[in-house]
C-alpha atoms as a PDB file:
ATOM      1  CA  MET A   1     172.078  49.943 153.358  1.00  0.00           C
ATOM      2  CA  SER A   2     171.796  49.581 149.546  1.00  0.00           C
ATOM      3  CA  ALA A   3     168.627  50.582 147.752  1.00  0.00           C
ATOM      4  CA  LYS A   4     167.976  46.953 146.843  1.00  0.00           C
ATOM      5  CA  ARG A   5     168.377  45.729 150.406  1.00  0.00           C
ATOM      6  CA  GLY A   6     166.256  48.628 151.648  1.00  0.00           C
ATOM      7  CA  TRP A   7     163.474  47.635 149.249  1.00  0.00           C
ATOM      8  CA  PHE A   8     163.728  43.962 150.267  1.00  0.00           C
ATOM      9  CA  SER A   9     163.450  44.898 153.926  1.00  0.00           C
ATOM     10  CA  ARG A  10     160.283  46.854 153.230  1.00  0.00           C
ATOM     11  CA  LEU A  11     158.855  44.059 151.095  1.00  0.00           C
ATOM     12  CA  ARG A  12     159.589  41.557 153.842  1.00  0.00           C
ATOM     13  CA  GLU A  13     157.913  43.850 156.369  1.00  0.00           C
ATOM     14  CA  ARG A  14     154.795  44.150 154.193  1.00  0.00           C
ATOM     15  CA  LEU A  15     154.610  40.353 153.870  1.00  0.00           C
ATOM     16  CA  SER A  16     155.305  39.830 157.563  1.00  0.00           C
ATOM     17  CA  ARG A  17     151.824  38.674 158.500  1.00  0.00           C
ATOM     18  CA  THR A  18     151.882  35.989 155.813  1.00  0.00           C
ATOM     19  CA  SER A  19     155.447  34.964 156.610  1.00  0.00           C
ATOM     20  CA  ASN A  20     154.846  34.912 160.383  1.00  0.00           C
ATOM     21  CA  VAL A  21     151.785  32.721 159.960  1.00  0.00           C
ATOM     22  CA  LEU A  22     153.727  30.396 157.671  1.00  0.00           C
ATOM     23  CA  LYS A  23     156.712  30.223 160.008  1.00  0.00           C
ATOM     24  CA  GLU A  24     154.598  29.503 163.059  1.00  0.00           C
ATOM     25  CA  ARG A  25     152.546  26.824 161.347  1.00  0.00           C
ATOM     26  CA  ILE A  26     155.510  25.192 159.623  1.00  0.00           C
ATOM     27  CA  LEU A  27     157.347  25.138 162.952  1.00  0.00           C
ATOM     28  CA  ALA A  28     154.337  23.525 164.627  1.00  0.00           C
ATOM     29  CA  VAL A  29     154.174  20.885 161.884  1.00  0.00           C
ATOM     30  CA  VAL A  30     157.870  20.185 161.406  1.00  0.00           C
ATOM     31  CA  VAL A  31     159.906  20.891 164.561  1.00  0.00           C
ATOM     32  CA  ARG A  32     162.530  18.305 163.582  1.00  0.00           C
ATOM     33  CA  ARG A  33     161.184  15.152 162.072  1.00  0.00           C
ATOM     34  CA  LYS A  34     161.300  12.962 159.001  1.00  0.00           C
ATOM     35  CA  VAL A  35     159.273  13.873 155.977  1.00  0.00           C
ATOM     36  CA  ASP A  36     156.365  11.433 155.953  1.00  0.00           C
ATOM     37  CA  GLU A  37     152.809  11.451 154.654  1.00  0.00           C
ATOM     38  CA  GLU A  38     151.441  12.964 157.862  1.00  0.00           C
ATOM     39  CA  LEU A  39     153.876  15.882 157.731  1.00  0.00           C
ATOM     40  CA  LEU A  40     153.176  16.473 154.041  1.00  0.00           C
ATOM     41  CA  GLU A  41     149.414  16.490 154.629  1.00  0.00           C
ATOM     42  CA  GLU A  42     149.735  18.983 157.475  1.00  0.00           C
ATOM     43  CA  LEU A  43     152.104  21.158 155.464  1.00  0.00           C
ATOM     44  CA  GLU A  44     149.723  21.215 152.498  1.00  0.00           C
ATOM     45  CA  GLU A  45     146.982  22.542 154.771  1.00  0.00           C
ATOM     46  CA  VAL A  46     149.341  25.275 156.034  1.00  0.00           C
ATOM     47  CA  LEU A  47     150.064  26.406 152.487  1.00  0.00           C
ATOM     48  CA  ILE A  48     146.390  26.439 151.498  1.00  0.00           C
ATOM     49  CA  LEU A  49     145.572  28.593 154.526  1.00  0.00           C
ATOM     50  CA  ALA A  50     148.275  31.040 153.382  1.00  0.00           C
ATOM     51  CA  ASP A  51     146.284  31.621 150.149  1.00  0.00           C
ATOM     52  CA  LEU A  52     148.614  29.673 147.886  1.00  0.00           C
ATOM     53  CA  GLY A  53     145.585  27.693 146.690  1.00  0.00           C
ATOM     54  CA  VAL A  54     144.904  23.961 146.531  1.00  0.00           C
ATOM     55  CA  GLU A  55     146.696  23.271 143.245  1.00  0.00           C
ATOM     56  CA  THR A  56     149.839  25.246 144.092  1.00  0.00           C
ATOM     57  CA  ALA A  57     150.036  23.808 147.608  1.00  0.00           C
ATOM     58  CA  GLY A  58     149.704  20.318 146.184  1.00  0.00           C
ATOM     59  CA  ARG A  59     152.471  20.914 143.661  1.00  0.00           C
ATOM     60  CA  LEU A  60     154.854  22.219 146.322  1.00  0.00           C
ATOM     61  CA  VAL A  61     154.180  19.299 148.618  1.00  0.00           C
ATOM     62  CA  ARG A  62     154.637  16.749 145.827  1.00  0.00           C
ATOM     63  CA  ARG A  63     158.035  18.228 145.061  1.00  0.00           C
ATOM     64  CA  LEU A  64     159.033  18.083 148.723  1.00  0.00           C
ATOM     65  CA  ARG A  65     157.930  14.449 148.775  1.00  0.00           C
ATOM     66  CA  ARG A  66     160.103  13.631 145.769  1.00  0.00           C
ATOM     67  CA  GLU A  67     163.197  15.382 147.110  1.00  0.00           C
ATOM     68  CA  ARG A  68     163.029  14.826 150.892  1.00  0.00           C
ATOM     69  CA  PHE A  69     160.735  11.910 151.695  1.00  0.00           C
ATOM     70  CA  GLY A  70     162.099   9.836 154.590  1.00  0.00           C
ATOM     71  CA  ARG A  71     164.804  12.398 155.391  1.00  0.00           C
ATOM     72  CA  GLU A  72     164.927  14.399 158.591  1.00  0.00           C
ATOM     73  CA  VAL A  73     164.313  18.147 158.159  1.00  0.00           C
ATOM     74  CA  ASP A  74     163.867  21.144 160.371  1.00  0.00           C
ATOM     75  CA  GLU A  75     161.633  24.175 160.042  1.00  0.00           C
ATOM     76  CA  ARG A  76     164.322  26.379 158.485  1.00  0.00           C
ATOM     77  CA  GLU A  77     165.217  23.834 155.823  1.00  0.00           C
ATOM     78  CA  VAL A  78     161.537  23.421 154.884  1.00  0.00           C
ATOM     79  CA  ARG A  79     161.149  27.181 154.481  1.00  0.00           C
ATOM     80  CA  GLU A  80     164.314  27.383 152.388  1.00  0.00           C
ATOM     81  CA  LEU A  81     163.089  24.582 150.133  1.00  0.00           C
ATOM     82  CA  LEU A  82     159.617  26.057 149.770  1.00  0.00           C
ATOM     83  CA  ALA A  83     161.135  29.439 148.916  1.00  0.00           C
ATOM     84  CA  ALA A  84     163.226  27.802 146.196  1.00  0.00           C
ATOM     85  CA  TYR A  85     160.205  25.953 144.808  1.00  0.00           C
ATOM     86  CA  ILE A  86     158.076  29.121 144.831  1.00  0.00           C
ATOM     87  CA  THR A  87     160.879  31.044 143.135  1.00  0.00           C
ATOM     88  CA  ASP A  88     160.769  28.510 140.299  1.00  0.00           C
ATOM     89  CA  ILE A  89     157.031  29.162 139.861  1.00  0.00           C
ATOM     90  CA  LEU A  90     157.310  32.948 140.074  1.00  0.00           C
ATOM     91  CA  ALA A  91     160.344  33.112 137.796  1.00  0.00           C
ATOM     92  CA  GLN A  92     158.040  32.127 134.948  1.00  0.00           C
ATOM     93  CA  VAL A  93     156.059  35.346 135.385  1.00  0.00           C
ATOM     94  CA  GLU A  94     158.886  37.732 136.337  1.00  0.00           C
ATOM     95  CA  ARG A  95     158.948  39.935 133.264  1.00  0.00           C
ATOM     96  CA  PRO A  96     159.805  43.638 132.997  1.00  0.00           C
ATOM     97  CA  LEU A  97     157.317  45.895 131.221  1.00  0.00           C
ATOM     98  CA  GLN A  98     159.039  46.824 127.987  1.00  0.00           C
ATOM     99  CA  ILE A  99     158.142  50.022 126.164  1.00  0.00           C
ATOM    100  CA  ASP A 100     158.334  49.407 122.416  1.00  0.00           C
ATOM    101  CA  PRO A 101     159.938  52.448 120.729  1.00  0.00           C
ATOM    102  CA  SER A 102     158.368  51.462 117.404  1.00  0.00           C
ATOM    103  CA  HIS A 103     155.014  52.521 118.845  1.00  0.00           C
ATOM    104  CA  ARG A 104     154.645  56.225 119.409  1.00  0.00           C
ATOM    105  CA  PRO A 105     152.914  56.196 121.686  1.00  0.00           C
ATOM    106  CA  HIS A 106     153.100  52.835 123.413  1.00  0.00           C
ATOM    107  CA  VAL A 107     149.505  52.613 124.740  1.00  0.00           C
ATOM    108  CA  ILE A 108     148.981  51.115 128.180  1.00  0.00           C
ATOM    109  CA  LEU A 109     145.399  50.528 129.337  1.00  0.00           C
ATOM    110  CA  VAL A 110     145.125  50.168 133.117  1.00  0.00           C
ATOM    111  CA  CYS A 111     142.103  48.409 134.600  1.00  0.00           C
ATOM    112  CA  GLY A 112     140.828  46.749 137.771  1.00  0.00           C
ATOM    113  CA  VAL A 113     138.005  46.745 140.267  1.00  0.00           C
ATOM    114  CA  ASN A 114     137.230  49.690 142.510  1.00  0.00           C
ATOM    115  CA  GLY A 115     139.780  50.485 145.172  1.00  0.00           C
ATOM    116  CA  THR A 116     142.755  48.540 143.825  1.00  0.00           C
ATOM    117  CA  GLY A 117     144.895  51.660 143.373  1.00  0.00           C
ATOM    118  CA  LYS A 118     144.753  52.034 139.574  1.00  0.00           C
ATOM    119  CA  THR A 119     145.134  55.791 139.445  1.00  0.00           C
ATOM    120  CA  THR A 120     147.947  55.829 141.998  1.00  0.00           C
ATOM    121  CA  THR A 121     149.674  53.038 140.055  1.00  0.00           C
ATOM    122  CA  ILE A 122     149.421  55.091 136.850  1.00  0.00           C
ATOM    123  CA  GLY A 123     151.037  58.028 138.600  1.00  0.00           C
ATOM    124  CA  LYS A 124     153.913  55.873 139.802  1.00  0.00           C
ATOM    125  CA  LEU A 125     154.355  54.309 136.386  1.00  0.00           C
ATOM    126  CA  ALA A 126     154.457  57.784 134.849  1.00  0.00           C
ATOM    127  CA  ARG A 127     157.176  58.711 137.295  1.00  0.00           C
ATOM    128  CA  LEU A 128     159.224  55.604 136.411  1.00  0.00           C
ATOM    129  CA  PHE A 129     158.901  56.230 132.684  1.00  0.00           C
ATOM    130  CA  ARG A 130     159.815  59.889 133.081  1.00  0.00           C
ATOM    131  CA  GLN A 131     162.937  58.847 134.992  1.00  0.00           C
ATOM    132  CA  GLN A 132     163.815  56.746 131.910  1.00  0.00           C
ATOM    133  CA  GLY A 133     163.627  59.866 129.779  1.00  0.00           C
ATOM    134  CA  LEU A 134     160.323  59.012 128.123  1.00  0.00           C
ATOM    135  CA  LYS A 135     157.671  61.514 127.102  1.00  0.00           C
ATOM    136  CA  VAL A 136     154.463  60.445 128.853  1.00  0.00           C
ATOM    137  CA  MET A 137     150.813  61.453 128.530  1.00  0.00           C
ATOM    138  CA  LEU A 138     147.975  60.493 130.898  1.00  0.00           C
ATOM    139  CA  ALA A 139     144.336  60.024 129.938  1.00  0.00           C
ATOM    140  CA  ALA A 140     141.741  60.435 132.693  1.00  0.00           C
ATOM    141  CA  CYS A 141     139.195  57.985 131.331  1.00  0.00           C
ATOM    142  CA  ASP A 142     137.668  57.273 134.737  1.00  0.00           C
ATOM    143  CA  THR A 143     135.019  59.805 133.874  1.00  0.00           C
ATOM    144  CA  PHE A 144     132.593  58.363 136.400  1.00  0.00           C
ATOM    145  CA  ARG A 145     134.374  59.908 139.376  1.00  0.00           C
ATOM    146  CA  ALA A 146     135.406  63.541 139.571  1.00  0.00           C
ATOM    147  CA  ALA A 147     137.839  62.599 142.321  1.00  0.00           C
ATOM    148  CA  ALA A 148     139.666  60.199 139.998  1.00  0.00           C
ATOM    149  CA  ILE A 149     140.113  62.957 137.424  1.00  0.00           C
ATOM    150  CA  GLU A 150     141.472  65.278 140.078  1.00  0.00           C
ATOM    151  CA  GLN A 151     143.771  62.579 141.433  1.00  0.00           C
ATOM    152  CA  LEU A 152     145.259  61.946 138.009  1.00  0.00           C
ATOM    153  CA  ARG A 153     145.636  65.676 137.447  1.00  0.00           C
ATOM    154  CA  VAL A 154     147.712  65.882 140.650  1.00  0.00           C
ATOM    155  CA  TRP A 155     149.923  63.029 139.475  1.00  0.00           C
ATOM    156  CA  GLY A 156     150.335  64.786 136.153  1.00  0.00           C
ATOM    157  CA  GLU A 157     151.582  67.899 137.936  1.00  0.00           C
ATOM    158  CA  ARG A 158     153.965  65.849 140.092  1.00  0.00           C
ATOM    159  CA  THR A 159     155.466  63.997 137.165  1.00  0.00           C
ATOM    160  CA  GLY A 160     155.371  66.723 134.543  1.00  0.00           C
ATOM    161  CA  CYS A 161     152.981  64.783 132.351  1.00  0.00           C
ATOM    162  CA  PRO A 162     150.046  66.383 130.482  1.00  0.00           C
ATOM    163  CA  VAL A 163     146.635  64.961 131.355  1.00  0.00           C
ATOM    164  CA  VAL A 164     143.846  64.672 128.784  1.00  0.00           C
ATOM    165  CA  GLU A 165     140.518  64.940 130.613  1.00  0.00           C
ATOM    166  CA  ALA A 166     136.876  65.796 130.175  1.00  0.00           C
ATOM    167  CA  LYS A 167     133.956  66.649 132.426  1.00  0.00           C
ATOM    168  CA  PRO A 168     132.638  63.905 134.717  1.00  0.00           C
ATOM    169  CA  GLY A 169     130.190  61.712 132.854  1.00  0.00           C
ATOM    170  CA  ALA A 170     131.849  62.186 129.457  1.00  0.00           C
ATOM    171  CA  ASP A 171     132.240  59.240 127.119  1.00  0.00           C
ATOM    172  CA  ALA A 172     135.358  57.400 128.271  1.00  0.00           C
ATOM    173  CA  ALA A 173     136.022  55.691 124.938  1.00  0.00           C
ATOM    174  CA  GLY A 174     135.784  58.968 123.065  1.00  0.00           C
ATOM    175  CA  LEU A 175     138.215  60.569 125.487  1.00  0.00           C
ATOM    176  CA  ALA A 176     140.686  57.704 125.001  1.00  0.00           C
ATOM    177  CA  TYR A 177     140.461  58.218 121.245  1.00  0.00           C
ATOM    178  CA  SER A 178     141.137  61.948 121.590  1.00  0.00           C
ATOM    179  CA  ALA A 179     144.084  61.302 123.887  1.00  0.00           C
ATOM    180  CA  LEU A 180     145.658  58.866 121.436  1.00  0.00           C
ATOM    181  CA  GLU A 181     145.160  61.349 118.591  1.00  0.00           C
ATOM    182  CA  ARG A 182     146.947  64.044 120.554  1.00  0.00           C
ATOM    183  CA  ALA A 183     149.724  61.719 121.773  1.00  0.00           C
ATOM    184  CA  ARG A 184     150.444  60.603 118.204  1.00  0.00           C
ATOM    185  CA  LYS A 185     150.454  64.148 116.869  1.00  0.00           C
ATOM    186  CA  ASP A 186     152.803  65.433 119.586  1.00  0.00           C
ATOM    187  CA  GLY A 187     155.217  62.492 119.529  1.00  0.00           C
ATOM    188  CA  PHE A 188     154.684  61.009 122.964  1.00  0.00           C
ATOM    189  CA  ASP A 189     156.440  57.756 123.853  1.00  0.00           C
ATOM    190  CA  VAL A 190     153.823  56.439 126.270  1.00  0.00           C
ATOM    191  CA  LEU A 191     150.089  56.958 126.749  1.00  0.00           C
ATOM    192  CA  LEU A 192     148.726  55.688 130.076  1.00  0.00           C
ATOM    193  CA  ILE A 193     144.935  55.334 130.082  1.00  0.00           C
ATOM    194  CA  ASP A 194     143.127  55.318 133.416  1.00  0.00           C
ATOM    195  CA  THR A 195     139.737  53.581 133.520  1.00  0.00           C
ATOM    196  CA  ALA A 196     136.821  53.496 135.903  1.00  0.00           C
ATOM    197  CA  GLY A 197     136.770  50.764 138.528  1.00  0.00           C
ATOM    198  CA  ARG A 198     134.798  47.824 137.233  1.00  0.00           C
ATOM    199  CA  LEU A 199     133.100  45.196 139.299  1.00  0.00           C
ATOM    200  CA  HIS A 200     134.162  42.031 137.506  1.00  0.00           C
ATOM    201  CA  ASN A 201     130.632  40.563 137.876  1.00  0.00           C
ATOM    202  CA  ARG A 202     128.878  43.556 136.245  1.00  0.00           C
ATOM    203  CA  LYS A 203     128.727  42.793 132.537  1.00  0.00           C
ATOM    204  CA  GLU A 204     127.494  46.222 131.425  1.00  0.00           C
ATOM    205  CA  LEU A 205     130.445  47.917 133.082  1.00  0.00           C
ATOM    206  CA  MET A 206     132.910  45.445 131.641  1.00  0.00           C
ATOM    207  CA  ASP A 207     131.441  46.020 128.170  1.00  0.00           C
ATOM    208  CA  GLU A 208     132.228  49.719 128.524  1.00  0.00           C
ATOM    209  CA  LEU A 209     135.857  48.842 129.292  1.00  0.00           C
ATOM    210  CA  ALA A 210     136.025  46.622 126.211  1.00  0.00           C
ATOM    211  CA  LYS A 211     134.696  49.564 124.172  1.00  0.00           C
ATOM    212  CA  ILE A 212     137.706  51.700 125.149  1.00  0.00           C
ATOM    213  CA  ALA A 213     140.034  49.034 123.769  1.00  0.00           C
ATOM    214  CA  ARG A 214     138.036  48.762 120.533  1.00  0.00           C
ATOM    215  CA  VAL A 215     137.956  52.508 119.981  1.00  0.00           C
ATOM    216  CA  VAL A 216     141.710  53.067 120.313  1.00  0.00           C
ATOM    217  CA  ARG A 217     142.244  50.321 117.724  1.00  0.00           C
ATOM    218  CA  LYS A 218     140.515  52.531 115.181  1.00  0.00           C
ATOM    219  CA  LEU A 219     143.578  54.772 115.301  1.00  0.00           C
ATOM    220  CA  ASP A 220     146.192  52.091 115.963  1.00  0.00           C
ATOM    221  CA  PRO A 221     145.151  48.473 115.230  1.00  0.00           C
ATOM    222  CA  SER A 222     147.909  47.203 117.515  1.00  0.00           C
ATOM    223  CA  ALA A 223     146.739  49.239 120.519  1.00  0.00           C
ATOM    224  CA  PRO A 224     146.512  48.913 123.422  1.00  0.00           C
ATOM    225  CA  HIS A 225     150.008  47.472 123.454  1.00  0.00           C
ATOM    226  CA  ASP A 226     149.710  46.485 127.096  1.00  0.00           C
ATOM    227  CA  VAL A 227     146.666  45.963 129.294  1.00  0.00           C
ATOM    228  CA  LEU A 228     147.625  46.009 132.944  1.00  0.00           C
ATOM    229  CA  LEU A 229     145.267  44.593 135.552  1.00  0.00           C
ATOM    230  CA  VAL A 230     145.852  46.095 138.982  1.00  0.00           C
ATOM    231  CA  LEU A 231     145.093  43.614 141.765  1.00  0.00           C
ATOM    232  CA  ASP A 232     144.724  44.368 145.463  1.00  0.00           C
ATOM    233  CA  ALA A 233     146.649  41.581 147.227  1.00  0.00           C
ATOM    234  CA  THR A 234     144.330  41.809 150.240  1.00  0.00           C
ATOM    235  CA  THR A 235     141.450  40.324 148.198  1.00  0.00           C
ATOM    236  CA  GLY A 236     143.031  36.869 148.404  1.00  0.00           C
ATOM    237  CA  GLN A 237     141.385  34.155 146.345  1.00  0.00           C
ATOM    238  CA  ASN A 238     138.831  36.568 144.875  1.00  0.00           C
ATOM    239  CA  ALA A 239     141.671  37.786 142.678  1.00  0.00           C
ATOM    240  CA  HIS A 240     141.255  34.649 140.561  1.00  0.00           C
ATOM    241  CA  ALA A 241     137.765  35.633 139.471  1.00  0.00           C
ATOM    242  CA  GLN A 242     138.948  39.143 138.667  1.00  0.00           C
ATOM    243  CA  VAL A 243     141.774  37.906 136.452  1.00  0.00           C
ATOM    244  CA  GLN A 244     139.510  35.451 134.651  1.00  0.00           C
ATOM    245  CA  THR A 245     136.808  38.021 133.871  1.00  0.00           C
ATOM    246  CA  PHE A 246     139.098  40.882 132.859  1.00  0.00           C
ATOM    247  CA  ARG A 247     141.090  38.570 130.581  1.00  0.00           C
ATOM    248  CA  GLU A 248     137.921  37.646 128.752  1.00  0.00           C
ATOM    249  CA  MET A 249     136.938  41.286 128.197  1.00  0.00           C
ATOM    250  CA  VAL A 250     140.181  43.108 127.410  1.00  0.00           C
ATOM    251  CA  ASP A 251     142.960  40.546 126.875  1.00  0.00           C
ATOM    252  CA  VAL A 252     145.022  41.363 129.968  1.00  0.00           C
ATOM    253  CA  THR A 253     148.755  41.214 129.183  1.00  0.00           C
ATOM    254  CA  GLY A 254     150.221  41.654 132.687  1.00  0.00           C
ATOM    255  CA  LEU A 255     149.563  42.216 136.386  1.00  0.00           C
ATOM    256  CA  VAL A 256     150.457  44.841 138.954  1.00  0.00           C
ATOM    257  CA  ILE A 257     150.052  43.686 142.540  1.00  0.00           C
ATOM    258  CA  THR A 258     149.274  46.447 145.026  1.00  0.00           C
ATOM    259  CA  LYS A 259     148.613  46.846 148.747  1.00  0.00           C
ATOM    260  CA  LEU A 260     151.144  44.348 150.016  1.00  0.00           C
ATOM    261  CA  ASP A 261     150.608  46.027 153.348  1.00  0.00           C
ATOM    262  CA  GLY A 262     151.142  43.306 155.940  1.00  0.00           C
ATOM    263  CA  THR A 263     147.961  41.316 155.367  1.00  0.00           C
ATOM    264  CA  ALA A 264     148.007  37.532 155.288  1.00  0.00           C
ATOM    265  CA  LYS A 265     147.167  37.357 151.577  1.00  0.00           C
ATOM    266  CA  GLY A 266     150.548  37.537 149.837  1.00  0.00           C
ATOM    267  CA  GLY A 267     150.431  33.850 148.882  1.00  0.00           C
ATOM    268  CA  VAL A 268     147.770  34.523 146.271  1.00  0.00           C
ATOM    269  CA  VAL A 269     150.487  35.916 143.959  1.00  0.00           C
ATOM    270  CA  VAL A 270     151.942  32.403 143.721  1.00  0.00           C
ATOM    271  CA  ALA A 271     148.551  30.867 143.029  1.00  0.00           C
ATOM    272  CA  LEU A 272     147.859  33.392 140.277  1.00  0.00           C
ATOM    273  CA  ALA A 273     151.220  32.712 138.651  1.00  0.00           C
ATOM    274  CA  GLU A 274     150.558  28.981 138.717  1.00  0.00           C
ATOM    275  CA  ARG A 275     147.049  29.201 137.301  1.00  0.00           C
ATOM    276  CA  PHE A 276     147.234  32.008 134.726  1.00  0.00           C
ATOM    277  CA  GLY A 277     150.930  32.434 133.899  1.00  0.00           C
ATOM    278  CA  LEU A 278     150.423  36.175 133.291  1.00  0.00           C
ATOM    279  CA  PRO A 279     153.517  38.359 133.678  1.00  0.00           C
ATOM    280  CA  VAL A 280     153.738  40.131 137.008  1.00  0.00           C
ATOM    281  CA  HIS A 281     155.398  43.416 136.109  1.00  0.00           C
ATOM    282  CA  PHE A 282     155.280  45.386 139.353  1.00  0.00           C
ATOM    283  CA  VAL A 283     154.466  45.139 143.059  1.00  0.00           C
ATOM    284  CA  GLY A 284     153.419  48.022 145.281  1.00  0.00           C
ATOM    285  CA  ILE A 285     153.997  48.181 149.012  1.00  0.00           C
ATOM    286  CA  GLY A 286     152.795  51.662 149.913  1.00  0.00           C
ATOM    287  CA  GLU A 287     151.493  55.027 148.799  1.00  0.00           C
ATOM    288  CA  GLY A 288     154.830  56.775 148.236  1.00  0.00           C
ATOM    289  CA  PRO A 289     156.069  57.563 144.735  1.00  0.00           C
ATOM    290  CA  ASP A 290     158.929  55.042 145.084  1.00  0.00           C
ATOM    291  CA  ASP A 291     156.751  52.244 146.469  1.00  0.00           C
ATOM    292  CA  LEU A 292     156.165  50.566 143.109  1.00  0.00           C
ATOM    293  CA  ARG A 293     159.002  48.361 141.906  1.00  0.00           C
ATOM    294  CA  PRO A 294     159.614  45.710 139.232  1.00  0.00           C
ATOM    295  CA  PHE A 295     158.623  42.262 140.426  1.00  0.00           C
ATOM    296  CA  ASP A 296     161.498  40.067 141.570  1.00  0.00           C
ATOM    297  CA  ALA A 297     160.573  36.386 141.933  1.00  0.00           C
ATOM    298  CA  ARG A 298     163.314  35.304 144.337  1.00  0.00           C
ATOM    299  CA  SER A 299     162.998  38.337 146.623  1.00  0.00           C
ATOM    300  CA  PHE A 300     159.220  37.882 146.800  1.00  0.00           C
ATOM    301  CA  ALA A 301     159.472  34.175 147.550  1.00  0.00           C
ATOM    302  CA  ARG A 302     162.045  34.662 150.296  1.00  0.00           C
ATOM    303  CA  ALA A 303     160.096  37.544 151.844  1.00  0.00           C
ATOM    304  CA  LEU A 304     156.956  35.402 151.768  1.00  0.00           C
ATOM    305  CA  LEU A 305     158.729  32.718 153.804  1.00  0.00           C
ATOM    306  CA  GLY A 306     160.368  35.219 156.170  1.00  0.00           C
ATOM    307  CA  LEU A 307     163.889  34.493 154.954  1.00  0.00           C
ATOM    308  CA  GLU A 308     166.861  36.792 154.478  1.00  0.00           C
ATOM    309  CA  GLU A 309     167.559  37.898 150.949  1.00  0.00           C
ATOM    310  CA  GLU A 310     171.177  36.753 150.682  1.00  0.00           C
ATOM    311  CA  THR A 311     170.759  33.137 151.819  1.00  0.00           C
ATOM    312  CA  GLU A 312     170.339  30.480 149.166  1.00  0.00           C
ATOM    313  CA  PRO A 313     171.102  26.815 149.840  1.00  0.00           C
ATOM    314  CA  ALA A 314     173.164  25.389 147.010  1.00  0.00           C
ATOM    315  CA  GLU A 315     171.127  22.180 146.797  1.00  0.00           C
ATOM    316  CA  ALA A 316     167.917  24.164 146.246  1.00  0.00           C
ATOM    317  CA  ARG A 317     169.219  26.171 143.315  1.00  0.00           C
ATOM    318  CA  PRO A 318     167.855  25.361 139.879  1.00  0.00           C
END
């Protein structure tokens, strides 16, 4: 089995609860019948229940109406068509994270609410960048939790990356400034800044996050060059509020979707792409060092619908 197919199999497994629910409900709605208003209404409800959201579900159903109304379809054809439609949406946000060599270092600020897997994601990103031959530094700016500092220190040891840290309770913005000073002096390619988990509805905590971004700009007006928001896929529609609030505070440039662990919430990725249009750089499907991979729109869409990777109906292609 190739590495790509092995990854797809694992992705499909992690999305199995969503895909199984979709398959069962689509089968119950469609069986084999003509596409009419009743079928479209029932199908829209199925998509909403799978966390694709009202607007996205409506768009998908309208496209199915345009292309198949009055024609007989079966459950498999409907899933193939939906996968193709969803691929079109997700393709707009499938964008690799590019490290700009003109910035030394390229500063990446990583944020998100408590428990999304920010620190683990930073460790995995460090590993990916090191594999690309880049010189990477980590900044443990989650100074509110001693455990977070220790966790990042462990990832630093695993990946061979130095970690700039301070005692718990230290000023996070000041630490970020010191880390950037050191990274510039020593010629690092990438500086990954960890931050404390922020509840998106706690303004005073969000203000502290915005302060980190302001402080690093004193050394490099273009920094941070990327602001990654780590989202836990299991939160479902609550992810919308998180994206909205973090964007307002720190100008989020891209998303990392974590914890695609078999819950029935995978459809929210499609809804987020439709609403915000932010690049989705990576998806994570586990705790292992190789469980973070670049986002692939078509693979995700087909896994979401429980379809094999290699099948693509010619009439559904863009």
